[in-house]
Amino acid sequence: MERHTRERIAIGVAGGPGSGKSTLAGEAVVALNAVQPGTAALVPMDGFHMRHAKLEQMGQVDYKGAPHTFEGAAFVNFLHHIKVANAPVKGPIYSRKIEDVVDDGFEVAPDVRVLVVEGNYLLLTDPPWAGVKPLLDFSVFLDVPRETVRARLMKRHAEEGLFTEERNRAHIERNDLPNYDLVAETQNRADLVIAIISDH
């Protein structure tokens, strides 16, 4: 019975858009599972984006990715549940190819002991996001220069080819970089800050 009552360890990987959170978190899961297969799983915050149709109804498509365009309370509740669950748990992911949420995009098996939680807003102090930090046993923040982030985001948006360069540039300036600035203010809440000097 002990295995069923032992709470999982949750490691948070936070940072602004384009900081490399997804890459680091994914590599951490691979490394942990290489040592002990099946011991770690990735839990992405991005799956809790509001549906695109809902954002259209709200008139908030231009601000997609900002804190208020996520189902933040649902994300906090999901973390509460997944930390103590002893049955398989499925969760949503966000697909950049369709710019929308995909249900049941990942599954955490019962034997997983380490959750690597990745997202922009893990360390925010405003509700409902304030509920995330107490659920993390350890948190890492990736500190990346603003200009590096701008360049990475332009490349990322261009790769999917869904929008024009002008639209992508406007979205980054109007939404992504302000979100980066907001998140940068939370890095002092992390247990470890990793400063990325350059991409080279």
N, C-alpha and C. Protein backbone atom coordinates (compact mmCIF):
# COMPACT_ATOMS: atom_id res chain seq x y z
N MET A 1 0.82 -1.23 0.00
CA MET A 1 0.00 0.00 0.00
C MET A 1 0.85 1.26 0.00
N GLU A 2 2.09 1.14 0.45
CA GLU A 2 2.91 2.35 0.58
C GLU A 2 3.07 3.07 -0.75
N ARG A 3 3.21 2.28 -1.85
CA ARG A 3 3.42 2.89 -3.16
C ARG A 3 2.23 3.74 -3.58
N HIS A 4 1.07 3.35 -3.14
CA HIS A 4 -0.14 4.04 -3.56
C HIS A 4 -0.39 5.32 -2.77
N THR A 5 0.28 5.49 -1.66
CA THR A 5 0.04 6.67 -0.86
C THR A 5 1.21 7.65 -0.89
N ARG A 6 2.33 7.23 -1.47
CA ARG A 6 3.49 8.11 -1.52
C ARG A 6 3.30 9.15 -2.60
N GLU A 7 3.42 10.40 -2.24
CA GLU A 7 3.22 11.48 -3.21
C GLU A 7 4.40 11.56 -4.17
N ARG A 8 4.10 11.86 -5.40
CA ARG A 8 5.13 12.00 -6.41
C ARG A 8 5.93 13.29 -6.19
N ILE A 9 7.13 13.30 -6.72
CA ILE A 9 7.96 14.50 -6.72
C ILE A 9 7.65 15.29 -7.99
N ALA A 10 7.44 16.58 -7.85
CA ALA A 10 7.18 17.45 -9.00
C ALA A 10 8.31 18.48 -9.12
N ILE A 11 8.96 18.47 -10.27
CA ILE A 11 10.02 19.43 -10.57
C ILE A 11 9.49 20.40 -11.62
N GLY A 12 9.50 21.69 -11.31
CA GLY A 12 8.99 22.69 -12.23
C GLY A 12 10.11 23.30 -13.07
N VAL A 13 9.87 23.43 -14.36
CA VAL A 13 10.79 24.13 -15.27
C VAL A 13 10.03 25.33 -15.83
N ALA A 14 10.40 26.52 -15.36
CA ALA A 14 9.69 27.74 -15.72
C ALA A 14 10.58 28.67 -16.54
N GLY A 15 9.94 29.65 -17.17
CA GLY A 15 10.66 30.63 -17.97
C GLY A 15 9.70 31.24 -18.96
N GLY A 16 10.13 32.28 -19.61
CA GLY A 16 9.28 32.96 -20.58
C GLY A 16 9.14 32.17 -21.87
N PRO A 17 8.27 32.65 -22.78
CA PRO A 17 8.14 32.00 -24.08
C PRO A 17 9.47 32.03 -24.82
N GLY A 18 9.81 30.91 -25.46
CA GLY A 18 11.05 30.85 -26.22
C GLY A 18 12.30 30.68 -25.40
N SER A 19 12.16 30.34 -24.12
CA SER A 19 13.34 30.22 -23.25
C SER A 19 13.99 28.84 -23.30
N GLY A 20 13.32 27.87 -23.92
CA GLY A 20 13.88 26.53 -24.00
C GLY A 20 13.37 25.58 -22.93
N LYS A 21 12.26 25.95 -22.28
CA LYS A 21 11.70 25.11 -21.21
C LYS A 21 11.35 23.71 -21.69
N SER A 22 10.65 23.65 -22.82
CA SER A 22 10.19 22.36 -23.33
C SER A 22 11.36 21.44 -23.63
N THR A 23 12.41 22.01 -24.22
CA THR A 23 13.59 21.21 -24.56
C THR A 23 14.26 20.67 -23.31
N LEU A 24 14.50 21.54 -22.33
CA LEU A 24 15.16 21.11 -21.10
C LEU A 24 14.32 20.08 -20.35
N ALA A 25 13.02 20.34 -20.24
CA ALA A 25 12.14 19.43 -19.51
C ALA A 25 12.11 18.06 -20.19
N GLY A 26 12.01 18.07 -21.51
CA GLY A 26 12.00 16.80 -22.24
C GLY A 26 13.28 16.02 -22.07
N GLU A 27 14.42 16.73 -22.10
CA GLU A 27 15.72 16.08 -21.91
C GLU A 27 15.86 15.52 -20.49
N ALA A 28 15.31 16.24 -19.52
CA ALA A 28 15.36 15.76 -18.14
C ALA A 28 14.58 14.46 -17.98
N VAL A 29 13.42 14.38 -18.62
CA VAL A 29 12.62 13.15 -18.55
C VAL A 29 13.36 11.99 -19.20
N VAL A 30 13.96 12.25 -20.37
CA VAL A 30 14.73 11.20 -21.06
C VAL A 30 15.88 10.71 -20.18
N ALA A 31 16.59 11.66 -19.55
CA ALA A 31 17.74 11.30 -18.71
C ALA A 31 17.31 10.48 -17.50
N LEU A 32 16.23 10.88 -16.85
CA LEU A 32 15.74 10.14 -15.68
C LEU A 32 15.29 8.73 -16.06
N ASN A 33 14.62 8.63 -17.21
CA ASN A 33 14.14 7.32 -17.64
C ASN A 33 15.26 6.42 -18.15
N ALA A 34 16.37 7.03 -18.55
CA ALA A 34 17.53 6.24 -18.97
C ALA A 34 18.15 5.54 -17.77
N VAL A 35 18.09 6.20 -16.62
CA VAL A 35 18.62 5.61 -15.38
C VAL A 35 17.66 4.56 -14.83
N GLN A 36 16.39 4.91 -14.82
CA GLN A 36 15.37 3.98 -14.33
C GLN A 36 14.12 4.12 -15.20
N PRO A 37 13.95 3.23 -16.17
CA PRO A 37 12.84 3.35 -17.13
C PRO A 37 11.48 3.48 -16.45
N GLY A 38 10.69 4.41 -16.98
CA GLY A 38 9.33 4.59 -16.49
C GLY A 38 9.19 5.38 -15.21
N THR A 39 10.28 6.00 -14.77
CA THR A 39 10.22 6.69 -13.48
C THR A 39 9.78 8.16 -13.60
N ALA A 40 9.89 8.74 -14.82
CA ALA A 40 9.59 10.17 -14.98
C ALA A 40 8.63 10.40 -16.13
N ALA A 41 7.87 11.50 -16.02
CA ALA A 41 6.92 11.88 -17.07
C ALA A 41 6.86 13.39 -17.19
N LEU A 42 6.63 13.86 -18.41
CA LEU A 42 6.51 15.29 -18.69
C LEU A 42 5.06 15.73 -18.52
N VAL A 43 4.88 16.86 -17.84
CA VAL A 43 3.55 17.44 -17.64
C VAL A 43 3.58 18.87 -18.17
N PRO A 44 3.12 19.11 -19.40
CA PRO A 44 3.19 20.46 -19.98
C PRO A 44 1.99 21.33 -19.60
N MET A 45 2.29 22.55 -19.21
CA MET A 45 1.23 23.52 -18.89
C MET A 45 0.45 23.94 -20.13
N ASP A 46 1.11 23.90 -21.30
CA ASP A 46 0.50 24.44 -22.52
C ASP A 46 -0.79 23.73 -22.92
N GLY A 47 -0.97 22.49 -22.45
CA GLY A 47 -2.21 21.79 -22.76
C GLY A 47 -3.43 22.44 -22.14
N PHE A 48 -3.19 23.39 -21.24
CA PHE A 48 -4.30 24.06 -20.56
C PHE A 48 -4.59 25.44 -21.14
N HIS A 49 -4.10 25.69 -22.38
CA HIS A 49 -4.59 26.83 -23.15
C HIS A 49 -6.12 26.75 -23.23
N MET A 50 -6.76 27.89 -23.22
CA MET A 50 -8.19 27.88 -23.55
C MET A 50 -8.34 27.47 -25.03
N ARG A 51 -9.43 26.80 -25.33
CA ARG A 51 -9.71 26.43 -26.71
C ARG A 51 -9.75 27.68 -27.59
N HIS A 52 -9.29 27.50 -28.82
CA HIS A 52 -9.25 28.64 -29.74
C HIS A 52 -10.66 29.22 -29.95
N ALA A 53 -11.64 28.36 -30.06
CA ALA A 53 -13.02 28.83 -30.25
C ALA A 53 -13.49 29.68 -29.07
N LYS A 54 -13.08 29.30 -27.87
CA LYS A 54 -13.45 30.07 -26.68
C LYS A 54 -12.78 31.44 -26.71
N LEU A 55 -11.51 31.48 -27.12
CA LEU A 55 -10.81 32.76 -27.21
C LEU A 55 -11.45 33.66 -28.27
N GLU A 56 -11.91 33.06 -29.35
CA GLU A 56 -12.62 33.85 -30.37
C GLU A 56 -13.87 34.47 -29.79
N GLN A 57 -14.62 33.69 -29.03
CA GLN A 57 -15.85 34.20 -28.40
C GLN A 57 -15.54 35.33 -27.43
N MET A 58 -14.40 35.22 -26.76
CA MET A 58 -14.00 36.23 -25.78
C MET A 58 -13.33 37.44 -26.43
N GLY A 59 -13.00 37.32 -27.71
CA GLY A 59 -12.27 38.39 -28.38
C GLY A 59 -10.83 38.52 -27.91
N GLN A 60 -10.22 37.38 -27.54
CA GLN A 60 -8.89 37.41 -26.95
C GLN A 60 -7.84 36.64 -27.77
N VAL A 61 -8.15 36.34 -29.02
CA VAL A 61 -7.21 35.57 -29.85
C VAL A 61 -5.86 36.27 -29.95
N ASP A 62 -5.88 37.60 -30.05
CA ASP A 62 -4.62 38.35 -30.19
C ASP A 62 -3.73 38.24 -28.95
N TYR A 63 -4.30 37.79 -27.84
CA TYR A 63 -3.54 37.69 -26.59
C TYR A 63 -3.35 36.24 -26.15
N LYS A 64 -3.53 35.34 -27.11
CA LYS A 64 -3.35 33.92 -26.83
C LYS A 64 -1.95 33.66 -26.27
N GLY A 65 -1.90 32.97 -25.14
CA GLY A 65 -0.62 32.72 -24.48
C GLY A 65 -0.41 33.56 -23.24
N ALA A 66 -1.21 34.61 -23.07
CA ALA A 66 -1.15 35.42 -21.85
C ALA A 66 -1.79 34.62 -20.70
N PRO A 67 -1.46 34.96 -19.46
CA PRO A 67 -1.99 34.17 -18.33
C PRO A 67 -3.50 33.99 -18.33
N HIS A 68 -4.24 35.04 -18.72
CA HIS A 68 -5.70 34.95 -18.64
C HIS A 68 -6.30 34.11 -19.77
N THR A 69 -5.47 33.65 -20.73
CA THR A 69 -5.99 32.82 -21.81
C THR A 69 -5.73 31.34 -21.57
N PHE A 70 -5.41 30.99 -20.33
CA PHE A 70 -5.26 29.60 -19.92
C PHE A 70 -6.35 29.23 -18.93
N GLU A 71 -6.61 27.94 -18.86
CA GLU A 71 -7.50 27.40 -17.82
C GLU A 71 -6.63 27.13 -16.59
N GLY A 72 -6.21 28.21 -15.94
CA GLY A 72 -5.25 28.10 -14.86
C GLY A 72 -5.73 27.28 -13.69
N ALA A 73 -6.99 27.46 -13.30
CA ALA A 73 -7.53 26.70 -12.17
C ALA A 73 -7.58 25.21 -12.50
N ALA A 74 -7.92 24.89 -13.73
CA ALA A 74 -7.95 23.48 -14.14
C ALA A 74 -6.55 22.87 -14.09
N PHE A 75 -5.55 23.66 -14.44
CA PHE A 75 -4.16 23.19 -14.39
C PHE A 75 -3.74 22.89 -12.95
N VAL A 76 -4.07 23.80 -12.05
CA VAL A 76 -3.74 23.58 -10.63
C VAL A 76 -4.44 22.33 -10.11
N ASN A 77 -5.71 22.17 -10.45
CA ASN A 77 -6.46 20.98 -10.00
C ASN A 77 -5.85 19.70 -10.57
N PHE A 78 -5.40 19.77 -11.83
CA PHE A 78 -4.78 18.62 -12.47
C PHE A 78 -3.51 18.22 -11.74
N LEU A 79 -2.69 19.21 -11.37
CA LEU A 79 -1.46 18.92 -10.64
C LEU A 79 -1.75 18.29 -9.28
N HIS A 80 -2.76 18.82 -8.59
CA HIS A 80 -3.17 18.23 -7.31
C HIS A 80 -3.48 16.75 -7.50
N HIS A 81 -4.26 16.46 -8.53
CA HIS A 81 -4.71 15.09 -8.77
C HIS A 81 -3.56 14.18 -9.15
N ILE A 82 -2.72 14.65 -10.08
CA ILE A 82 -1.68 13.78 -10.64
C ILE A 82 -0.57 13.50 -9.63
N LYS A 83 -0.39 14.36 -8.65
CA LYS A 83 0.66 14.12 -7.65
C LYS A 83 0.35 12.91 -6.77
N VAL A 84 -0.91 12.60 -6.59
CA VAL A 84 -1.29 11.50 -5.69
C VAL A 84 -1.99 10.35 -6.40
N ALA A 85 -2.21 10.47 -7.71
CA ALA A 85 -2.95 9.44 -8.44
C ALA A 85 -2.19 8.11 -8.45
N ASN A 86 -2.92 7.00 -8.34
CA ASN A 86 -2.30 5.68 -8.44
C ASN A 86 -2.85 4.88 -9.61
N ALA A 87 -3.58 5.56 -10.50
CA ALA A 87 -4.06 4.96 -11.74
C ALA A 87 -3.54 5.80 -12.91
N PRO A 88 -3.55 5.28 -14.12
CA PRO A 88 -3.10 6.07 -15.27
C PRO A 88 -3.91 7.36 -15.39
N VAL A 89 -3.23 8.46 -15.69
CA VAL A 89 -3.88 9.76 -15.85
C VAL A 89 -3.49 10.35 -17.21
N LYS A 90 -4.48 10.72 -17.98
CA LYS A 90 -4.23 11.36 -19.27
C LYS A 90 -4.39 12.86 -19.14
N GLY A 91 -3.61 13.60 -19.93
CA GLY A 91 -3.69 15.06 -19.89
C GLY A 91 -3.60 15.64 -21.29
N PRO A 92 -3.97 16.91 -21.43
CA PRO A 92 -3.99 17.56 -22.74
C PRO A 92 -2.62 18.12 -23.13
N ILE A 93 -2.41 18.26 -24.43
CA ILE A 93 -1.22 18.95 -24.95
C ILE A 93 -1.68 20.07 -25.88
N TYR A 94 -0.77 20.95 -26.21
CA TYR A 94 -1.06 22.01 -27.17
C TYR A 94 -0.27 21.74 -28.43
N SER A 95 -0.95 21.76 -29.57
CA SER A 95 -0.31 21.52 -30.87
C SER A 95 -0.11 22.84 -31.61
N ARG A 96 1.14 23.18 -31.92
CA ARG A 96 1.41 24.39 -32.69
C ARG A 96 1.00 24.21 -34.15
N LYS A 97 0.84 22.97 -34.58
CA LYS A 97 0.47 22.72 -35.97
C LYS A 97 -0.98 23.13 -36.25
N ILE A 98 -1.81 23.03 -35.22
CA ILE A 98 -3.21 23.42 -35.38
C ILE A 98 -3.57 24.61 -34.50
N GLU A 99 -2.60 25.06 -33.69
CA GLU A 99 -2.83 26.19 -32.78
C GLU A 99 -4.02 25.93 -31.86
N ASP A 100 -4.08 24.71 -31.33
CA ASP A 100 -5.19 24.39 -30.42
C ASP A 100 -4.81 23.20 -29.52
N VAL A 101 -5.72 22.94 -28.59
CA VAL A 101 -5.51 21.89 -27.58
C VAL A 101 -5.89 20.52 -28.16
N VAL A 102 -5.13 19.50 -27.78
CA VAL A 102 -5.44 18.11 -28.14
C VAL A 102 -5.65 17.35 -26.84
N ASP A 103 -6.85 16.83 -26.64
CA ASP A 103 -7.16 16.07 -25.42
C ASP A 103 -6.37 14.77 -25.38
N ASP A 104 -6.08 14.31 -24.17
CA ASP A 104 -5.42 13.01 -23.96
C ASP A 104 -4.14 12.88 -24.77
N GLY A 105 -3.36 13.96 -24.80
CA GLY A 105 -2.12 13.97 -25.58
C GLY A 105 -0.97 13.27 -24.90
N PHE A 106 -1.07 13.06 -23.59
CA PHE A 106 -0.04 12.31 -22.86
C PHE A 106 -0.68 11.53 -21.73
N GLU A 107 0.05 10.53 -21.25
CA GLU A 107 -0.45 9.71 -20.16
C GLU A 107 0.65 9.49 -19.14
N VAL A 108 0.30 9.63 -17.88
CA VAL A 108 1.24 9.35 -16.79
C VAL A 108 0.86 8.00 -16.19
N ALA A 109 1.80 7.08 -16.26
CA ALA A 109 1.55 5.72 -15.77
C ALA A 109 1.62 5.68 -14.24
N PRO A 110 1.01 4.66 -13.64
CA PRO A 110 0.98 4.58 -12.18
C PRO A 110 2.36 4.53 -11.52
N ASP A 111 3.35 3.93 -12.21
CA ASP A 111 4.66 3.76 -11.59
C ASP A 111 5.55 5.01 -11.67
N VAL A 112 5.10 6.04 -12.35
CA VAL A 112 5.89 7.28 -12.45
C VAL A 112 6.05 7.89 -11.07
N ARG A 113 7.29 8.27 -10.73
CA ARG A 113 7.57 8.87 -9.43
C ARG A 113 7.96 10.34 -9.53
N VAL A 114 8.44 10.76 -10.71
CA VAL A 114 8.89 12.14 -10.88
C VAL A 114 8.11 12.80 -12.01
N LEU A 115 7.48 13.91 -11.70
CA LEU A 115 6.75 14.70 -12.69
C LEU A 115 7.60 15.92 -13.04
N VAL A 116 7.92 16.08 -14.31
CA VAL A 116 8.64 17.27 -14.76
C VAL A 116 7.60 18.21 -15.38
N VAL A 117 7.26 19.24 -14.62
CA VAL A 117 6.18 20.17 -14.99
C VAL A 117 6.81 21.37 -15.69
N GLU A 118 6.31 21.69 -16.88
CA GLU A 118 6.94 22.73 -17.69
C GLU A 118 5.92 23.79 -18.10
N GLY A 119 6.29 25.08 -17.94
CA GLY A 119 5.37 26.13 -18.37
C GLY A 119 5.84 27.52 -17.99
N ASN A 120 5.24 28.51 -18.63
CA ASN A 120 5.60 29.91 -18.39
C ASN A 120 5.27 30.38 -16.98
N TYR A 121 4.09 29.99 -16.50
CA TYR A 121 3.48 30.69 -15.37
C TYR A 121 3.50 29.90 -14.06
N LEU A 122 4.45 29.00 -13.92
CA LEU A 122 4.50 28.15 -12.74
C LEU A 122 4.79 28.92 -11.46
N LEU A 123 5.42 30.08 -11.59
CA LEU A 123 5.87 30.82 -10.40
C LEU A 123 5.11 32.13 -10.18
N LEU A 124 4.05 32.36 -10.94
CA LEU A 124 3.26 33.59 -10.74
C LEU A 124 2.62 33.59 -9.35
N THR A 125 2.41 34.78 -8.82
CA THR A 125 1.81 34.91 -7.49
C THR A 125 0.32 35.26 -7.54
N ASP A 126 -0.20 35.56 -8.73
CA ASP A 126 -1.62 35.89 -8.85
C ASP A 126 -2.45 34.61 -8.94
N PRO A 127 -3.67 34.63 -8.36
CA PRO A 127 -4.54 33.46 -8.50
C PRO A 127 -5.05 33.34 -9.95
N PRO A 128 -5.29 32.14 -10.45
CA PRO A 128 -5.15 30.85 -9.74
C PRO A 128 -3.72 30.29 -9.78
N TRP A 129 -2.82 31.00 -10.49
CA TRP A 129 -1.47 30.48 -10.71
C TRP A 129 -0.68 30.30 -9.41
N ALA A 130 -1.02 31.08 -8.39
CA ALA A 130 -0.32 30.98 -7.11
C ALA A 130 -0.41 29.58 -6.52
N GLY A 131 -1.39 28.80 -6.97
CA GLY A 131 -1.56 27.45 -6.47
C GLY A 131 -0.55 26.45 -7.01
N VAL A 132 0.22 26.85 -8.02
CA VAL A 132 1.17 25.91 -8.64
C VAL A 132 2.41 25.71 -7.78
N LYS A 133 3.03 26.81 -7.36
CA LYS A 133 4.32 26.74 -6.65
C LYS A 133 4.29 25.82 -5.43
N PRO A 134 3.24 25.83 -4.60
CA PRO A 134 3.23 24.93 -3.44
C PRO A 134 3.23 23.44 -3.83
N LEU A 135 2.87 23.13 -5.07
CA LEU A 135 2.82 21.75 -5.51
C LEU A 135 4.16 21.28 -6.08
N LEU A 136 5.09 22.21 -6.26
CA LEU A 136 6.40 21.87 -6.82
C LEU A 136 7.39 21.61 -5.69
N ASP A 137 8.09 20.49 -5.77
CA ASP A 137 9.11 20.17 -4.77
C ASP A 137 10.42 20.88 -5.06
N PHE A 138 10.63 21.24 -6.32
CA PHE A 138 11.83 21.97 -6.73
C PHE A 138 11.50 22.70 -8.02
N SER A 139 12.02 23.91 -8.17
CA SER A 139 11.71 24.67 -9.38
C SER A 139 12.97 25.28 -9.99
N VAL A 140 13.01 25.26 -11.31
CA VAL A 140 14.13 25.80 -12.09
C VAL A 140 13.58 26.88 -12.99
N PHE A 141 14.31 28.00 -13.12
CA PHE A 141 13.92 29.08 -14.02
C PHE A 141 15.01 29.27 -15.06
N LEU A 142 14.62 29.33 -16.33
CA LEU A 142 15.57 29.58 -17.41
C LEU A 142 15.55 31.06 -17.76
N ASP A 143 16.67 31.72 -17.53
CA ASP A 143 16.80 33.15 -17.78
C ASP A 143 17.54 33.35 -19.11
N VAL A 144 16.81 33.79 -20.12
CA VAL A 144 17.35 33.95 -21.47
C VAL A 144 17.21 35.41 -21.89
N PRO A 145 18.24 36.01 -22.53
CA PRO A 145 18.15 37.41 -22.94
C PRO A 145 16.93 37.68 -23.83
N ARG A 146 16.36 38.85 -23.66
CA ARG A 146 15.13 39.23 -24.36
C ARG A 146 15.30 39.18 -25.88
N GLU A 147 16.43 39.65 -26.39
CA GLU A 147 16.65 39.67 -27.84
C GLU A 147 16.79 38.25 -28.38
N THR A 148 17.38 37.35 -27.60
CA THR A 148 17.47 35.96 -28.01
C THR A 148 16.08 35.36 -28.11
N VAL A 149 15.24 35.67 -27.14
CA VAL A 149 13.86 35.19 -27.15
C VAL A 149 13.11 35.70 -28.37
N ARG A 150 13.26 36.97 -28.68
CA ARG A 150 12.59 37.55 -29.85
C ARG A 150 12.96 36.78 -31.12
N ALA A 151 14.25 36.53 -31.30
CA ALA A 151 14.72 35.82 -32.50
C ALA A 151 14.18 34.39 -32.54
N ARG A 152 14.21 33.72 -31.40
CA ARG A 152 13.70 32.35 -31.35
C ARG A 152 12.22 32.29 -31.68
N LEU A 153 11.45 33.25 -31.17
CA LEU A 153 10.01 33.24 -31.40
C LEU A 153 9.68 33.52 -32.86
N MET A 154 10.43 34.41 -33.50
CA MET A 154 10.23 34.66 -34.93
C MET A 154 10.47 33.38 -35.72
N LYS A 155 11.53 32.67 -35.38
CA LYS A 155 11.83 31.41 -36.06
C LYS A 155 10.74 30.37 -35.81
N ARG A 156 10.29 30.26 -34.56
CA ARG A 156 9.27 29.28 -34.21
C ARG A 156 7.98 29.52 -34.95
N HIS A 157 7.52 30.77 -34.95
CA HIS A 157 6.26 31.10 -35.63
C HIS A 157 6.37 30.85 -37.13
N ALA A 158 7.53 31.14 -37.70
CA ALA A 158 7.72 30.98 -39.15
C ALA A 158 7.72 29.51 -39.55
N GLU A 159 8.21 28.64 -38.68
CA GLU A 159 8.35 27.22 -39.01
C GLU A 159 7.01 26.56 -39.32
N GLU A 160 5.96 26.96 -38.61
CA GLU A 160 4.66 26.34 -38.85
C GLU A 160 3.98 26.92 -40.09
N GLY A 161 4.37 28.11 -40.50
CA GLY A 161 3.85 28.69 -41.73
C GLY A 161 2.37 29.02 -41.73
N LEU A 162 1.80 29.21 -40.53
CA LEU A 162 0.36 29.47 -40.45
C LEU A 162 0.01 30.94 -40.67
N PHE A 163 0.98 31.83 -40.41
CA PHE A 163 0.70 33.26 -40.47
C PHE A 163 1.81 34.00 -41.21
N THR A 164 1.54 35.25 -41.54
CA THR A 164 2.55 36.06 -42.23
C THR A 164 3.63 36.52 -41.25
N GLU A 165 4.77 36.92 -41.80
CA GLU A 165 5.85 37.42 -40.95
C GLU A 165 5.40 38.66 -40.19
N GLU A 166 4.62 39.51 -40.86
CA GLU A 166 4.13 40.74 -40.20
C GLU A 166 3.24 40.40 -39.01
N ARG A 167 2.36 39.42 -39.20
CA ARG A 167 1.48 39.01 -38.10
C ARG A 167 2.30 38.45 -36.96
N ASN A 168 3.28 37.61 -37.29
CA ASN A 168 4.09 37.00 -36.26
C ASN A 168 4.86 38.04 -35.46
N ARG A 169 5.45 39.01 -36.18
CA ARG A 169 6.21 40.06 -35.50
C ARG A 169 5.31 40.88 -34.57
N ALA A 170 4.11 41.21 -35.06
CA ALA A 170 3.17 42.00 -34.25
C ALA A 170 2.74 41.22 -33.01
N HIS A 171 2.51 39.91 -33.18
CA HIS A 171 2.07 39.09 -32.05
C HIS A 171 3.16 39.01 -30.99
N ILE A 172 4.39 38.88 -31.43
CA ILE A 172 5.51 38.79 -30.49
C ILE A 172 5.64 40.08 -29.69
N GLU A 173 5.54 41.22 -30.36
CA GLU A 173 5.71 42.51 -29.68
C GLU A 173 4.52 42.82 -28.77
N ARG A 174 3.32 42.47 -29.23
CA ARG A 174 2.11 42.80 -28.47
C ARG A 174 1.88 41.84 -27.30
N ASN A 175 2.28 40.58 -27.47
CA ASN A 175 1.87 39.56 -26.52
C ASN A 175 3.03 38.77 -25.92
N ASP A 176 3.87 38.17 -26.77
CA ASP A 176 4.90 37.28 -26.26
C ASP A 176 5.93 37.99 -25.39
N LEU A 177 6.42 39.15 -25.84
CA LEU A 177 7.45 39.84 -25.05
C LEU A 177 6.90 40.43 -23.75
N PRO A 178 5.69 40.99 -23.73
CA PRO A 178 5.12 41.38 -22.43
C PRO A 178 4.96 40.18 -21.48
N ASN A 179 4.61 39.01 -22.03
CA ASN A 179 4.53 37.82 -21.20
C ASN A 179 5.91 37.43 -20.67
N TYR A 180 6.92 37.58 -21.52
CA TYR A 180 8.30 37.32 -21.11
C TYR A 180 8.68 38.24 -19.94
N ASP A 181 8.32 39.53 -20.07
CA ASP A 181 8.65 40.49 -19.01
C ASP A 181 7.95 40.13 -17.70
N LEU A 182 6.69 39.71 -17.79
CA LEU A 182 5.93 39.32 -16.61
C LEU A 182 6.58 38.13 -15.92
N VAL A 183 6.93 37.13 -16.70
CA VAL A 183 7.52 35.92 -16.15
C VAL A 183 8.90 36.19 -15.56
N ALA A 184 9.66 37.09 -16.19
CA ALA A 184 11.02 37.40 -15.70
C ALA A 184 10.99 37.89 -14.25
N GLU A 185 9.89 38.53 -13.87
CA GLU A 185 9.77 39.05 -12.50
C GLU A 185 9.59 37.94 -11.46
N THR A 186 9.32 36.70 -11.92
CA THR A 186 9.06 35.61 -10.98
C THR A 186 10.29 34.74 -10.72
N GLN A 187 11.40 35.04 -11.38
CA GLN A 187 12.54 34.12 -11.28
C GLN A 187 13.11 34.03 -9.87
N ASN A 188 12.91 35.07 -9.05
CA ASN A 188 13.44 35.01 -7.69
C ASN A 188 12.68 34.01 -6.82
N ARG A 189 11.57 33.47 -7.31
CA ARG A 189 10.82 32.45 -6.57
C ARG A 189 11.33 31.04 -6.86
N ALA A 190 12.22 30.91 -7.85
CA ALA A 190 12.74 29.59 -8.22
C ALA A 190 13.83 29.14 -7.26
N ASP A 191 14.01 27.85 -7.13
CA ASP A 191 15.08 27.29 -6.32
C ASP A 191 16.42 27.39 -7.04
N LEU A 192 16.37 27.38 -8.36
CA LEU A 192 17.58 27.45 -9.17
C LEU A 192 17.31 28.27 -10.42
N VAL A 193 18.17 29.24 -10.71
CA VAL A 193 18.06 30.03 -11.94
C VAL A 193 19.24 29.66 -12.84
N ILE A 194 18.94 29.26 -14.06
CA ILE A 194 19.96 28.95 -15.06
C ILE A 194 19.98 30.07 -16.08
N ALA A 195 21.10 30.77 -16.15
CA ALA A 195 21.23 31.87 -17.10
C ALA A 195 21.81 31.34 -18.42
N ILE A 196 21.07 31.52 -19.49
CA ILE A 196 21.52 31.12 -20.83
C ILE A 196 22.10 32.37 -21.50
N ILE A 197 23.41 32.38 -21.72
CA ILE A 197 24.06 33.58 -22.24
C ILE A 197 23.83 33.75 -23.74
N SER A 198 23.97 32.65 -24.49
CA SER A 198 23.75 32.74 -25.94
C SER A 198 23.36 31.37 -26.46
N ASP A 199 22.98 31.30 -27.75
CA ASP A 199 22.62 30.03 -28.36
C ASP A 199 23.84 29.29 -28.91
N HIS A 200 25.02 29.85 -28.76
CA HIS A 200 26.22 29.26 -29.35
C HIS A 200 27.09 28.62 -28.28
